[in-house]
């Protein structure tokens, strides 16, 4: 038996992450609507709030997980040669890891650490 994110477990993670991502988008768009002319200093101070920083960090992690599950399922369904699928997995993993590290760097800078 596989212990990874497959089948029902992947489906549940995909739905939970989609709900959180949607709620966060609504919150972020609402925050931008109420403060349309924020300067960089205001953005940095706003993102420096520990609760918002944590919520944004969870958003990034769930976004990357959501993307990985979706791309993985597409590759399983439509890319049949094993060597091509494994190559695509590697490229997607490298890309998502790079995006995650970049986001972590931004969030750490915003927190002042």
PDB file of N, CA and C in Angstrom:
ATOM      1  N   UNK A   1       0.797  -1.176   0.000  1.00  0.00           N
ATOM      2  CA  UNK A   1       0.000   0.000   0.000  1.00  0.00           C
ATOM      3  C   UNK A   1       0.849   1.252   0.000  1.00  0.00           C
ATOM      4  N   UNK A   2       0.409   2.238  -0.735  1.00  0.00           N
ATOM      5  CA  UNK A   2       1.142   3.492  -0.825  1.00  0.00           C
ATOM      6  C   UNK A   2       0.749   4.409   0.330  1.00  0.00           C
ATOM      7  N   UNK A   3       1.725   5.087   0.885  1.00  0.00           N
ATOM      8  CA  UNK A   3       1.438   6.012   1.981  1.00  0.00           C
ATOM      9  C   UNK A   3       1.435   7.456   1.496  1.00  0.00           C
ATOM     10  N   UNK A   4       1.604   7.688   0.200  1.00  0.00           N
ATOM     11  CA  UNK A   4       1.628   9.038  -0.344  1.00  0.00           C
ATOM     12  C   UNK A   4       0.239   9.605  -0.545  1.00  0.00           C
ATOM     13  N   UNK A   5       0.206  10.738  -1.213  1.00  0.00           N
ATOM     14  CA  UNK A   5      -1.066  11.400  -1.496  1.00  0.00           C
ATOM     15  C   UNK A   5      -1.661  10.832  -2.768  1.00  0.00           C
ATOM     16  N   UNK A   6      -2.411   9.759  -2.632  1.00  0.00           N
ATOM     17  CA  UNK A   6      -3.041   9.133  -3.783  1.00  0.00           C
ATOM     18  C   UNK A   6      -4.512   8.908  -3.482  1.00  0.00           C
ATOM     19  N   UNK A   7      -5.292   8.762  -4.525  1.00  0.00           N
ATOM     20  CA  UNK A   7      -6.696   8.402  -4.389  1.00  0.00           C
ATOM     21  C   UNK A   7      -7.496   9.390  -3.575  1.00  0.00           C
ATOM     22  N   UNK A   8      -8.240   8.871  -2.609  1.00  0.00           N
ATOM     23  CA  UNK A   8      -9.131   9.683  -1.800  1.00  0.00           C
ATOM     24  C   UNK A   8      -8.366  10.711  -0.972  1.00  0.00           C
ATOM     25  N   UNK A   9      -7.211  10.333  -0.452  1.00  0.00           N
ATOM     26  CA  UNK A   9      -6.415  11.261   0.352  1.00  0.00           C
ATOM     27  C   UNK A   9      -5.999  12.476  -0.474  1.00  0.00           C
ATOM     28  N   UNK A  10      -5.551  12.264  -1.694  1.00  0.00           N
ATOM     29  CA  UNK A  10      -5.173  13.378  -2.564  1.00  0.00           C
ATOM     30  C   UNK A  10      -6.389  14.243  -2.890  1.00  0.00           C
ATOM     31  N   UNK A  11      -7.525  13.608  -3.117  1.00  0.00           N
ATOM     32  CA  UNK A  11      -8.753  14.335  -3.427  1.00  0.00           C
ATOM     33  C   UNK A  11      -9.152  15.233  -2.260  1.00  0.00           C
ATOM     34  N   UNK A  12      -9.058  14.702  -1.037  1.00  0.00           N
ATOM     35  CA  UNK A  12      -9.418  15.480   0.152  1.00  0.00           C
ATOM     36  C   UNK A  12      -8.451  16.641   0.345  1.00  0.00           C
ATOM     37  N   UNK A  13      -7.163  16.391   0.213  1.00  0.00           N
ATOM     38  CA  UNK A  13      -6.172  17.469   0.348  1.00  0.00           C
ATOM     39  C   UNK A  13      -6.409  18.540  -0.705  1.00  0.00           C
ATOM     40  N   UNK A  14      -6.730  18.126  -1.925  1.00  0.00           N
ATOM     41  CA  UNK A  14      -6.996  19.074  -3.012  1.00  0.00           C
ATOM     42  C   UNK A  14      -8.205  19.950  -2.658  1.00  0.00           C
ATOM     43  N   UNK A  15      -9.261  19.368  -2.114  1.00  0.00           N
ATOM     44  CA  UNK A  15     -10.462  20.137  -1.789  1.00  0.00           C
ATOM     45  C   UNK A  15     -10.245  21.058  -0.599  1.00  0.00           C
ATOM     46  N   UNK A  16      -9.556  20.589   0.418  1.00  0.00           N
ATOM     47  CA  UNK A  16      -9.281  21.430   1.589  1.00  0.00           C
ATOM     48  C   UNK A  16      -8.369  22.589   1.196  1.00  0.00           C
ATOM     49  N   UNK A  17      -7.335  22.294   0.425  1.00  0.00           N
ATOM     50  CA  UNK A  17      -6.436  23.372   0.008  1.00  0.00           C
ATOM     51  C   UNK A  17      -7.163  24.365  -0.889  1.00  0.00           C
ATOM     52  N   UNK A  18      -8.061  23.896  -1.754  1.00  0.00           N
ATOM     53  CA  UNK A  18      -8.823  24.799  -2.616  1.00  0.00           C
ATOM     54  C   UNK A  18      -9.716  25.723  -1.784  1.00  0.00           C
ATOM     55  N   UNK A  19     -10.328  25.190  -0.740  1.00  0.00           N
ATOM     56  CA  UNK A  19     -11.179  26.014   0.123  1.00  0.00           C
ATOM     57  C   UNK A  19     -10.355  27.085   0.826  1.00  0.00           C
ATOM     58  N   UNK A  20      -9.190  26.724   1.356  1.00  0.00           N
ATOM     59  CA  UNK A  20      -8.336  27.706   2.030  1.00  0.00           C
ATOM     60  C   UNK A  20      -7.824  28.743   1.036  1.00  0.00           C
ATOM     61  N   UNK A  21      -7.377  28.296  -0.136  1.00  0.00           N
ATOM     62  CA  UNK A  21      -6.878  29.227  -1.146  1.00  0.00           C
ATOM     63  C   UNK A  21      -7.970  30.202  -1.560  1.00  0.00           C
ATOM     64  N   UNK A  22      -9.185  29.719  -1.762  1.00  0.00           N
ATOM     65  CA  UNK A  22     -10.288  30.596  -2.127  1.00  0.00           C
ATOM     66  C   UNK A  22     -10.595  31.616  -1.043  1.00  0.00           C
ATOM     67  N   UNK A  23     -10.637  31.170   0.207  1.00  0.00           N
ATOM     68  CA  UNK A  23     -10.905  32.081   1.321  1.00  0.00           C
ATOM     69  C   UNK A  23      -9.796  33.122   1.453  1.00  0.00           C
ATOM     70  N   UNK A  24      -8.552  32.700   1.272  1.00  0.00           N
ATOM     71  CA  UNK A  24      -7.440  33.641   1.375  1.00  0.00           C
ATOM     72  C   UNK A  24      -7.500  34.668   0.248  1.00  0.00           C
ATOM     73  N   UNK A  25      -7.836  34.235  -0.967  1.00  0.00           N
ATOM     74  CA  UNK A  25      -7.970  35.173  -2.085  1.00  0.00           C
ATOM     75  C   UNK A  25      -9.051  36.209  -1.796  1.00  0.00           C
ATOM     76  N   UNK A  26     -10.184  35.772  -1.276  1.00  0.00           N
ATOM     77  CA  UNK A  26     -11.261  36.715  -0.939  1.00  0.00           C
ATOM     78  C   UNK A  26     -10.773  37.712   0.108  1.00  0.00           C
ATOM     79  N   UNK A  27     -10.077  37.226   1.141  1.00  0.00           N
ATOM     80  CA  UNK A  27      -9.525  38.103   2.166  1.00  0.00           C
ATOM     81  C   UNK A  27      -8.528  39.090   1.570  1.00  0.00           C
ATOM     82  N   UNK A  28      -7.609  38.606   0.732  1.00  0.00           N
ATOM     83  CA  UNK A  28      -6.574  39.476   0.162  1.00  0.00           C
ATOM     84  C   UNK A  28      -7.178  40.531  -0.758  1.00  0.00           C
ATOM     85  N   UNK A  29      -8.141  40.140  -1.569  1.00  0.00           N
ATOM     86  CA  UNK A  29      -8.783  41.107  -2.466  1.00  0.00           C
ATOM     87  C   UNK A  29      -9.559  42.145  -1.650  1.00  0.00           C
ATOM     88  N   UNK A  30     -10.215  41.694  -0.591  1.00  0.00           N
ATOM     89  CA  UNK A  30     -10.915  42.632   0.293  1.00  0.00           C
ATOM     90  C   UNK A  30      -9.959  43.598   0.965  1.00  0.00           C
ATOM     91  N   UNK A  31      -8.826  43.089   1.422  1.00  0.00           N
ATOM     92  CA  UNK A  31      -7.834  43.959   2.061  1.00  0.00           C
ATOM     93  C   UNK A  31      -7.279  44.980   1.075  1.00  0.00           C
ATOM     94  N   UNK A  32      -7.056  44.561  -0.164  1.00  0.00           N
ATOM     95  CA  UNK A  32      -6.564  45.500  -1.176  1.00  0.00           C
ATOM     96  C   UNK A  32      -7.626  46.519  -1.554  1.00  0.00           C
ATOM     97  N   UNK A  33      -8.887  46.128  -1.519  1.00  0.00           N
ATOM     98  CA  UNK A  33      -9.970  47.062  -1.852  1.00  0.00           C
ATOM     99  C   UNK A  33     -10.101  48.149  -0.785  1.00  0.00           C
ATOM    100  N   UNK A  34      -9.878  47.801   0.477  1.00  0.00           N
ATOM    101  CA  UNK A  34      -9.977  48.787   1.547  1.00  0.00           C
ATOM    102  C   UNK A  34      -8.728  49.643   1.697  1.00  0.00           C
ATOM    103  N   UNK A  35      -7.614  49.209   1.153  1.00  0.00           N
ATOM    104  CA  UNK A  35      -6.353  49.965   1.208  1.00  0.00           C
ATOM    105  C   UNK A  35      -5.721  49.996  -0.188  1.00  0.00           C
ATOM    106  N   UNK A  36      -6.324  50.720  -1.133  1.00  0.00           N
ATOM    107  CA  UNK A  36      -5.855  50.642  -2.526  1.00  0.00           C
ATOM    108  C   UNK A  36      -4.514  51.330  -2.785  1.00  0.00           C
ATOM    109  N   UNK A  37      -4.101  52.242  -1.919  1.00  0.00           N
ATOM    110  CA  UNK A  37      -2.867  52.999  -2.193  1.00  0.00           C
ATOM    111  C   UNK A  37      -1.811  52.758  -1.123  1.00  0.00           C
ATOM    112  N   UNK A  38      -1.513  51.508  -0.885  1.00  0.00           N
ATOM    113  CA  UNK A  38      -0.506  51.180   0.122  1.00  0.00           C
ATOM    114  C   UNK A  38       0.892  51.321  -0.474  1.00  0.00           C
ATOM    115  N   UNK A  39       1.789  51.895   0.316  1.00  0.00           N
ATOM    116  CA  UNK A  39       3.184  51.988  -0.109  1.00  0.00           C
ATOM    117  C   UNK A  39       3.902  50.686   0.262  1.00  0.00           C
ATOM    118  N   UNK A  40       5.142  50.577  -0.178  1.00  0.00           N
ATOM    119  CA  UNK A  40       5.927  49.380   0.142  1.00  0.00           C
ATOM    120  C   UNK A  40       6.090  49.236   1.654  1.00  0.00           C
ATOM    121  N   UNK A  41       6.319  50.355   2.335  1.00  0.00           N
ATOM    122  CA  UNK A  41       6.491  50.304   3.795  1.00  0.00           C
ATOM    123  C   UNK A  41       5.216  49.812   4.479  1.00  0.00           C
ATOM    124  N   UNK A  42       4.057  50.269   3.986  1.00  0.00           N
ATOM    125  CA  UNK A  42       2.798  49.795   4.562  1.00  0.00           C
ATOM    126  C   UNK A  42       2.599  48.308   4.301  1.00  0.00           C
ATOM    127  N   UNK A  43       2.914  47.846   3.095  1.00  0.00           N
ATOM    128  CA  UNK A  43       2.788  46.422   2.770  1.00  0.00           C
ATOM    129  C   UNK A  43       3.686  45.577   3.664  1.00  0.00           C
ATOM    130  N   UNK A  44       4.898  46.067   3.853  1.00  0.00           N
ATOM    131  CA  UNK A  44       5.847  45.295   4.661  1.00  0.00           C
ATOM    132  C   UNK A  44       5.402  45.229   6.123  1.00  0.00           C
ATOM    133  N   UNK A  45       4.913  46.357   6.640  1.00  0.00           N
ATOM    134  CA  UNK A  45       4.421  46.378   8.021  1.00  0.00           C
ATOM    135  C   UNK A  45       3.172  45.496   8.150  1.00  0.00           C
ATOM    136  N   UNK A  46       2.297  45.542   7.153  1.00  0.00           N
ATOM    137  CA  UNK A  46       1.075  44.745   7.170  1.00  0.00           C
ATOM    138  C   UNK A  46       1.412  43.257   7.142  1.00  0.00           C
ATOM    139  N   UNK A  47       2.359  42.884   6.298  1.00  0.00           N
ATOM    140  CA  UNK A  47       2.751  41.486   6.185  1.00  0.00           C
ATOM    141  C   UNK A  47       3.600  41.042   7.376  1.00  0.00           C
ATOM    142  N   UNK A  48       4.141  42.000   8.122  1.00  0.00           N
ATOM    143  CA  UNK A  48       4.921  41.672   9.309  1.00  0.00           C
ATOM    144  C   UNK A  48       4.072  41.215  10.482  1.00  0.00           C
ATOM    145  N   UNK A  49       2.761  41.376  10.390  1.00  0.00           N
ATOM    146  CA  UNK A  49       1.851  40.900  11.432  1.00  0.00           C
ATOM    147  C   UNK A  49       1.986  39.376  11.500  1.00  0.00           C
ATOM    148  N   UNK A  50       2.286  38.827  12.692  1.00  0.00           N
ATOM    149  CA  UNK A  50       2.527  37.376  12.782  1.00  0.00           C
ATOM    150  C   UNK A  50       1.364  36.511  12.315  1.00  0.00           C
ATOM    151  N   UNK A  51       0.129  36.922  12.574  1.00  0.00           N
ATOM    152  CA  UNK A  51      -1.023  36.129  12.156  1.00  0.00           C
ATOM    153  C   UNK A  51      -1.122  36.115  10.631  1.00  0.00           C
ATOM    154  N   UNK A  52      -0.981  37.285  10.021  1.00  0.00           N
ATOM    155  CA  UNK A  52      -1.048  37.356   8.564  1.00  0.00           C
ATOM    156  C   UNK A  52       0.144  36.658   7.923  1.00  0.00           C
ATOM    157  N   UNK A  53       1.299  36.768   8.548  1.00  0.00           N
ATOM    158  CA  UNK A  53       2.482  36.082   8.035  1.00  0.00           C
ATOM    159  C   UNK A  53       2.281  34.563   8.063  1.00  0.00           C
ATOM    160  N   UNK A  54       1.723  34.052   9.135  1.00  0.00           N
ATOM    161  CA  UNK A  54       1.435  32.617   9.239  1.00  0.00           C
ATOM    162  C   UNK A  54       0.387  32.202   8.210  1.00  0.00           C
ATOM    163  N   UNK A  55      -0.674  33.002   8.066  1.00  0.00           N
ATOM    164  CA  UNK A  55      -1.722  32.696   7.089  1.00  0.00           C
ATOM    165  C   UNK A  55      -1.159  32.697   5.673  1.00  0.00           C
ATOM    166  N   UNK A  56      -0.256  33.613   5.380  1.00  0.00           N
ATOM    167  CA  UNK A  56       0.360  33.669   4.064  1.00  0.00           C
ATOM    168  C   UNK A  56       1.300  32.483   3.854  1.00  0.00           C
ATOM    169  N   UNK A  57       2.021  32.102   4.886  1.00  0.00           N
ATOM    170  CA  UNK A  57       2.886  30.924   4.790  1.00  0.00           C
ATOM    171  C   UNK A  57       2.090  29.652   4.542  1.00  0.00           C
ATOM    172  N   UNK A  58       0.970  29.500   5.241  1.00  0.00           N
ATOM    173  CA  UNK A  58       0.088  28.346   5.015  1.00  0.00           C
ATOM    174  C   UNK A  58      -0.453  28.390   3.594  1.00  0.00           C
ATOM    175  N   UNK A  59      -0.806  29.599   3.122  1.00  0.00           N
ATOM    176  CA  UNK A  59      -1.288  29.768   1.750  1.00  0.00           C
ATOM    177  C   UNK A  59      -0.255  29.269   0.745  1.00  0.00           C
ATOM    178  N   UNK A  60       0.990  29.651   0.919  1.00  0.00           N
ATOM    179  CA  UNK A  60       2.045  29.248  -0.017  1.00  0.00           C
ATOM    180  C   UNK A  60       2.226  27.733  -0.003  1.00  0.00           C
ATOM    181  N   UNK A  61       2.281  27.145   1.176  1.00  0.00           N
ATOM    182  CA  UNK A  61       2.462  25.692   1.280  1.00  0.00           C
ATOM    183  C   UNK A  61       1.294  24.953   0.624  1.00  0.00           C
ATOM    184  N   UNK A  62       0.073  25.392   0.912  1.00  0.00           N
ATOM    185  CA  UNK A  62      -1.090  24.730   0.320  1.00  0.00           C
ATOM    186  C   UNK A  62      -1.174  24.964  -1.185  1.00  0.00           C
ATOM    187  N   UNK A  63      -0.761  26.132  -1.644  1.00  0.00           N
ATOM    188  CA  UNK A  63      -0.746  26.397  -3.080  1.00  0.00           C
ATOM    189  C   UNK A  63       0.219  25.458  -3.795  1.00  0.00           C
ATOM    190  N   UNK A  64       1.406  25.275  -3.229  1.00  0.00           N
ATOM    191  CA  UNK A  64       2.390  24.380  -3.836  1.00  0.00           C
ATOM    192  C   UNK A  64       1.908  22.926  -3.791  1.00  0.00           C
ATOM    193  N   UNK A  65       1.309  22.517  -2.683  1.00  0.00           N
ATOM    194  CA  UNK A  65       0.783  21.158  -2.574  1.00  0.00           C
ATOM    195  C   UNK A  65      -0.368  20.945  -3.557  1.00  0.00           C
ATOM    196  N   UNK A  66      -1.249  21.921  -3.661  1.00  0.00           N
ATOM    197  CA  UNK A  66      -2.370  21.855  -4.585  1.00  0.00           C
ATOM    198  C   UNK A  66      -1.878  21.739  -6.029  1.00  0.00           C
ATOM    199  N   UNK A  67      -0.875  22.543  -6.354  1.00  0.00           N
ATOM    200  CA  UNK A  67      -0.307  22.500  -7.705  1.00  0.00           C
ATOM    201  C   UNK A  67       0.355  21.153  -7.973  1.00  0.00           C
ATOM    202  N   UNK A  68       1.087  20.621  -7.000  1.00  0.00           N
ATOM    203  CA  UNK A  68       1.766  19.346  -7.195  1.00  0.00           C
ATOM    204  C   UNK A  68       0.761  18.220  -7.449  1.00  0.00           C
ATOM    205  N   UNK A  69      -0.289  18.164  -6.647  1.00  0.00           N
ATOM    206  CA  UNK A  69      -1.284  17.101  -6.824  1.00  0.00           C
ATOM    207  C   UNK A  69      -1.949  17.218  -8.188  1.00  0.00           C
ATOM    208  N   UNK A  70      -2.309  18.428  -8.581  1.00  0.00           N
ATOM    209  CA  UNK A  70      -2.963  18.621  -9.870  1.00  0.00           C
ATOM    210  C   UNK A  70      -2.083  18.250 -11.048  1.00  0.00           C
ATOM    211  N   UNK A  71      -0.839  18.722 -11.033  1.00  0.00           N
ATOM    212  CA  UNK A  71       0.078  18.409 -12.135  1.00  0.00           C
ATOM    213  C   UNK A  71       0.417  16.934 -12.146  1.00  0.00           C
ATOM    214  N   UNK A  72       0.602  16.353 -10.972  1.00  0.00           N
ATOM    215  CA  UNK A  72       0.901  14.922 -10.893  1.00  0.00           C
ATOM    216  C   UNK A  72      -0.224  14.080 -11.487  1.00  0.00           C
ATOM    217  N   UNK A  73      -1.463  14.430 -11.173  1.00  0.00           N
ATOM    218  CA  UNK A  73      -2.595  13.682 -11.715  1.00  0.00           C
ATOM    219  C   UNK A  73      -2.699  13.834 -13.231  1.00  0.00           C
ATOM    220  N   UNK A  74      -2.417  15.016 -13.734  1.00  0.00           N
ATOM    221  CA  UNK A  74      -2.426  15.228 -15.187  1.00  0.00           C
ATOM    222  C   UNK A  74      -1.339  14.389 -15.850  1.00  0.00           C
ATOM    223  N   UNK A  75      -0.149  14.375 -15.256  1.00  0.00           N
ATOM    224  CA  UNK A  75       0.948  13.593 -15.829  1.00  0.00           C
ATOM    225  C   UNK A  75       0.635  12.096 -15.794  1.00  0.00           C
ATOM    226  N   UNK A  76       0.033  11.630 -14.706  1.00  0.00           N
ATOM    227  CA  UNK A  76      -0.328  10.214 -14.621  1.00  0.00           C
ATOM    228  C   UNK A  76      -1.330   9.851 -15.710  1.00  0.00           C
ATOM    229  N   UNK A  77      -2.296  10.729 -15.947  1.00  0.00           N
ATOM    230  CA  UNK A  77      -3.355  10.433 -16.914  1.00  0.00           C
ATOM    231  C   UNK A  77      -2.913  10.551 -18.367  1.00  0.00           C
ATOM    232  N   UNK A  78      -2.039  11.499 -18.672  1.00  0.00           N
ATOM    233  CA  UNK A  78      -1.785  11.824 -20.074  1.00  0.00           C
ATOM    234  C   UNK A  78      -0.368  11.560 -20.583  1.00  0.00           C
ATOM    235  N   UNK A  79       0.592  11.337 -19.692  1.00  0.00           N
ATOM    236  CA  UNK A  79       1.974  11.067 -20.134  1.00  0.00           C
ATOM    237  C   UNK A  79       2.254   9.601 -19.843  1.00  0.00           C
ATOM    238  N   UNK A  80       2.320   8.802 -20.894  1.00  0.00           N
ATOM    239  CA  UNK A  80       2.416   7.355 -20.712  1.00  0.00           C
ATOM    240  C   UNK A  80       3.843   6.810 -20.673  1.00  0.00           C
ATOM    241  N   UNK A  81       4.798   7.321 -21.462  1.00  0.00           N
ATOM    242  CA  UNK A  81       6.164   6.790 -21.337  1.00  0.00           C
ATOM    243  C   UNK A  81       6.749   7.133 -19.963  1.00  0.00           C
ATOM    244  N   UNK A  82       7.213   6.112 -19.279  1.00  0.00           N
ATOM    245  CA  UNK A  82       7.690   6.298 -17.908  1.00  0.00           C
ATOM    246  C   UNK A  82       8.826   7.307 -17.824  1.00  0.00           C
ATOM    247  N   UNK A  83       9.781   7.240 -18.743  1.00  0.00           N
ATOM    248  CA  UNK A  83      10.933   8.142 -18.694  1.00  0.00           C
ATOM    249  C   UNK A  83      10.487   9.601 -18.845  1.00  0.00           C
ATOM    250  N   UNK A  84       9.497   9.844 -19.669  1.00  0.00           N
ATOM    251  CA  UNK A  84       9.009  11.208 -19.873  1.00  0.00           C
ATOM    252  C   UNK A  84       8.239  11.697 -18.640  1.00  0.00           C
ATOM    253  N   UNK A  85       7.466  10.802 -18.038  1.00  0.00           N
ATOM    254  CA  UNK A  85       6.722  11.166 -16.833  1.00  0.00           C
ATOM    255  C   UNK A  85       7.664  11.472 -15.681  1.00  0.00           C
ATOM    256  N   UNK A  86       8.685  10.648 -15.500  1.00  0.00           N
ATOM    257  CA  UNK A  86       9.650  10.874 -14.421  1.00  0.00           C
ATOM    258  C   UNK A  86      10.422  12.176 -14.647  1.00  0.00           C
ATOM    259  N   UNK A  87      10.791  12.449 -15.890  1.00  0.00           N
ATOM    260  CA  UNK A  87      11.467  13.709 -16.213  1.00  0.00           C
ATOM    261  C   UNK A  87      10.564  14.896 -15.900  1.00  0.00           C
ATOM    262  N   UNK A  88       9.302  14.808 -16.289  1.00  0.00           N
ATOM    263  CA  UNK A  88       8.354  15.893 -16.022  1.00  0.00           C
ATOM    264  C   UNK A  88       8.157  16.073 -14.520  1.00  0.00           C
ATOM    265  N   UNK A  89       8.053  14.958 -13.767  1.00  0.00           N
ATOM    266  CA  UNK A  89       7.948  15.045 -12.307  1.00  0.00           C
ATOM    267  C   UNK A  89       9.131  15.833 -11.733  1.00  0.00           C
ATOM    268  N   UNK A  90      10.328  15.482 -12.188  1.00  0.00           N
ATOM    269  CA  UNK A  90      11.524  16.151 -11.688  1.00  0.00           C
ATOM    270  C   UNK A  90      11.517  17.637 -11.987  1.00  0.00           C
ATOM    271  N   UNK A  91      11.156  17.995 -13.207  1.00  0.00           N
ATOM    272  CA  UNK A  91      11.123  19.409 -13.583  1.00  0.00           C
ATOM    273  C   UNK A  91      10.079  20.180 -12.777  1.00  0.00           C
ATOM    274  N   UNK A  92       8.918  19.576 -12.597  1.00  0.00           N
ATOM    275  CA  UNK A  92       7.865  20.233 -11.815  1.00  0.00           C
ATOM    276  C   UNK A  92       8.301  20.371 -10.359  1.00  0.00           C
ATOM    277  N   UNK A  93       8.926  19.333  -9.805  1.00  0.00           N
ATOM    278  CA  UNK A  93       9.410  19.402  -8.423  1.00  0.00           C
ATOM    279  C   UNK A  93      10.444  20.502  -8.240  1.00  0.00           C
ATOM    280  N   UNK A  94      11.377  20.596  -9.169  1.00  0.00           N
ATOM    281  CA  UNK A  94      12.405  21.637  -9.084  1.00  0.00           C
ATOM    282  C   UNK A  94      11.766  23.013  -9.153  1.00  0.00           C
ATOM    283  N   UNK A  95      10.811  23.186 -10.082  1.00  0.00           N
ATOM    284  CA  UNK A  95      10.134  24.470 -10.217  1.00  0.00           C
ATOM    285  C   UNK A  95       9.363  24.829  -8.949  1.00  0.00           C
ATOM    286  N   UNK A  96       8.578  23.898  -8.415  1.00  0.00           N
ATOM    287  CA  UNK A  96       7.787  24.180  -7.214  1.00  0.00           C
ATOM    288  C   UNK A  96       8.678  24.398  -5.993  1.00  0.00           C
ATOM    289  N   UNK A  97       9.758  23.665  -5.887  1.00  0.00           N
ATOM    290  CA  UNK A  97      10.707  23.882  -4.795  1.00  0.00           C
ATOM    291  C   UNK A  97      11.312  25.273  -4.888  1.00  0.00           C
ATOM    292  N   UNK A  98      11.690  25.679  -6.094  1.00  0.00           N
ATOM    293  CA  UNK A  98      12.230  27.028  -6.290  1.00  0.00           C
ATOM    294  C   UNK A  98      11.216  28.096  -5.919  1.00  0.00           C
ATOM    295  N   UNK A  99       9.974  27.909  -6.318  1.00  0.00           N
ATOM    296  CA  UNK A  99       8.917  28.869  -5.959  1.00  0.00           C
ATOM    297  C   UNK A  99       8.717  28.916  -4.450  1.00  0.00           C
ATOM    298  N   UNK A 100       8.747  27.758  -3.801  1.00  0.00           N
ATOM    299  CA  UNK A 100       8.575  27.702  -2.355  1.00  0.00           C
ATOM    300  C   UNK A 100       9.718  28.388  -1.613  1.00  0.00           C
ATOM    301  N   UNK A 101      10.939  28.173  -2.068  1.00  0.00           N
ATOM    302  CA  UNK A 101      12.086  28.830  -1.435  1.00  0.00           C
ATOM    303  C   UNK A 101      12.050  30.335  -1.640  1.00  0.00           C
ATOM    304  N   UNK A 102      11.644  30.749  -2.822  1.00  0.00           N
ATOM    305  CA  UNK A 102      11.522  32.181  -3.116  1.00  0.00           C
ATOM    306  C   UNK A 102      10.462  32.814  -2.210  1.00  0.00           C
ATOM    307  N   UNK A 103       9.312  32.161  -2.069  1.00  0.00           N
ATOM    308  CA  UNK A 103       8.252  32.673  -1.201  1.00  0.00           C
ATOM    309  C   UNK A 103       8.715  32.702   0.255  1.00  0.00           C
ATOM    310  N   UNK A 104       9.433  31.674   0.692  1.00  0.00           N
ATOM    311  CA  UNK A 104       9.946  31.643   2.066  1.00  0.00           C
ATOM    312  C   UNK A 104      10.906  32.796   2.306  1.00  0.00           C
ATOM    313  N   UNK A 105      11.743  33.080   1.331  1.00  0.00           N
ATOM    314  CA  UNK A 105      12.683  34.209   1.459  1.00  0.00           C
ATOM    315  C   UNK A 105      11.921  35.526   1.602  1.00  0.00           C
ATOM    316  N   UNK A 106      10.893  35.711   0.785  1.00  0.00           N
ATOM    317  CA  UNK A 106      10.095  36.937   0.846  1.00  0.00           C
ATOM    318  C   UNK A 106       9.411  37.063   2.213  1.00  0.00           C
ATOM    319  N   UNK A 107       8.826  35.969   2.686  1.00  0.00           N
ATOM    320  CA  UNK A 107       8.128  36.019   3.970  1.00  0.00           C
ATOM    321  C   UNK A 107       9.097  36.241   5.127  1.00  0.00           C
ATOM    322  N   UNK A 108      10.268  35.645   5.057  1.00  0.00           N
ATOM    323  CA  UNK A 108      11.264  35.870   6.117  1.00  0.00           C
ATOM    324  C   UNK A 108      11.756  37.307   6.111  1.00  0.00           C
ATOM    325  N   UNK A 109      11.935  37.890   4.945  1.00  0.00           N
ATOM    326  CA  UNK A 109      12.330  39.302   4.878  1.00  0.00           C
ATOM    327  C   UNK A 109      11.230  40.202   5.418  1.00  0.00           C
ATOM    328  N   UNK A 110       9.973  39.873   5.118  1.00  0.00           N
ATOM    329  CA  UNK A 110       8.849  40.677   5.606  1.00  0.00           C
ATOM    330  C   UNK A 110       8.726  40.598   7.116  1.00  0.00           C
ATOM    331  N   UNK A 111       9.104  39.444   7.675  1.00  0.00           N
ATOM    332  CA  UNK A 111       8.997  39.288   9.130  1.00  0.00           C
ATOM    333  C   UNK A 111      10.131  39.968   9.869  1.00  0.00           C
ATOM    334  N   UNK A 112      11.162  40.346   9.160  1.00  0.00           N
ATOM    335  CA  UNK A 112      12.298  41.017   9.792  1.00  0.00           C
ATOM    336  C   UNK A 112      13.327  40.061  10.360  1.00  0.00           C
ATOM    337  N   UNK A 113      13.231  38.780  10.068  1.00  0.00           N
ATOM    338  CA  UNK A 113      14.206  37.801  10.570  1.00  0.00           C
ATOM    339  C   UNK A 113      15.454  37.799   9.717  1.00  0.00           C
TER     340      UNK A 113
END
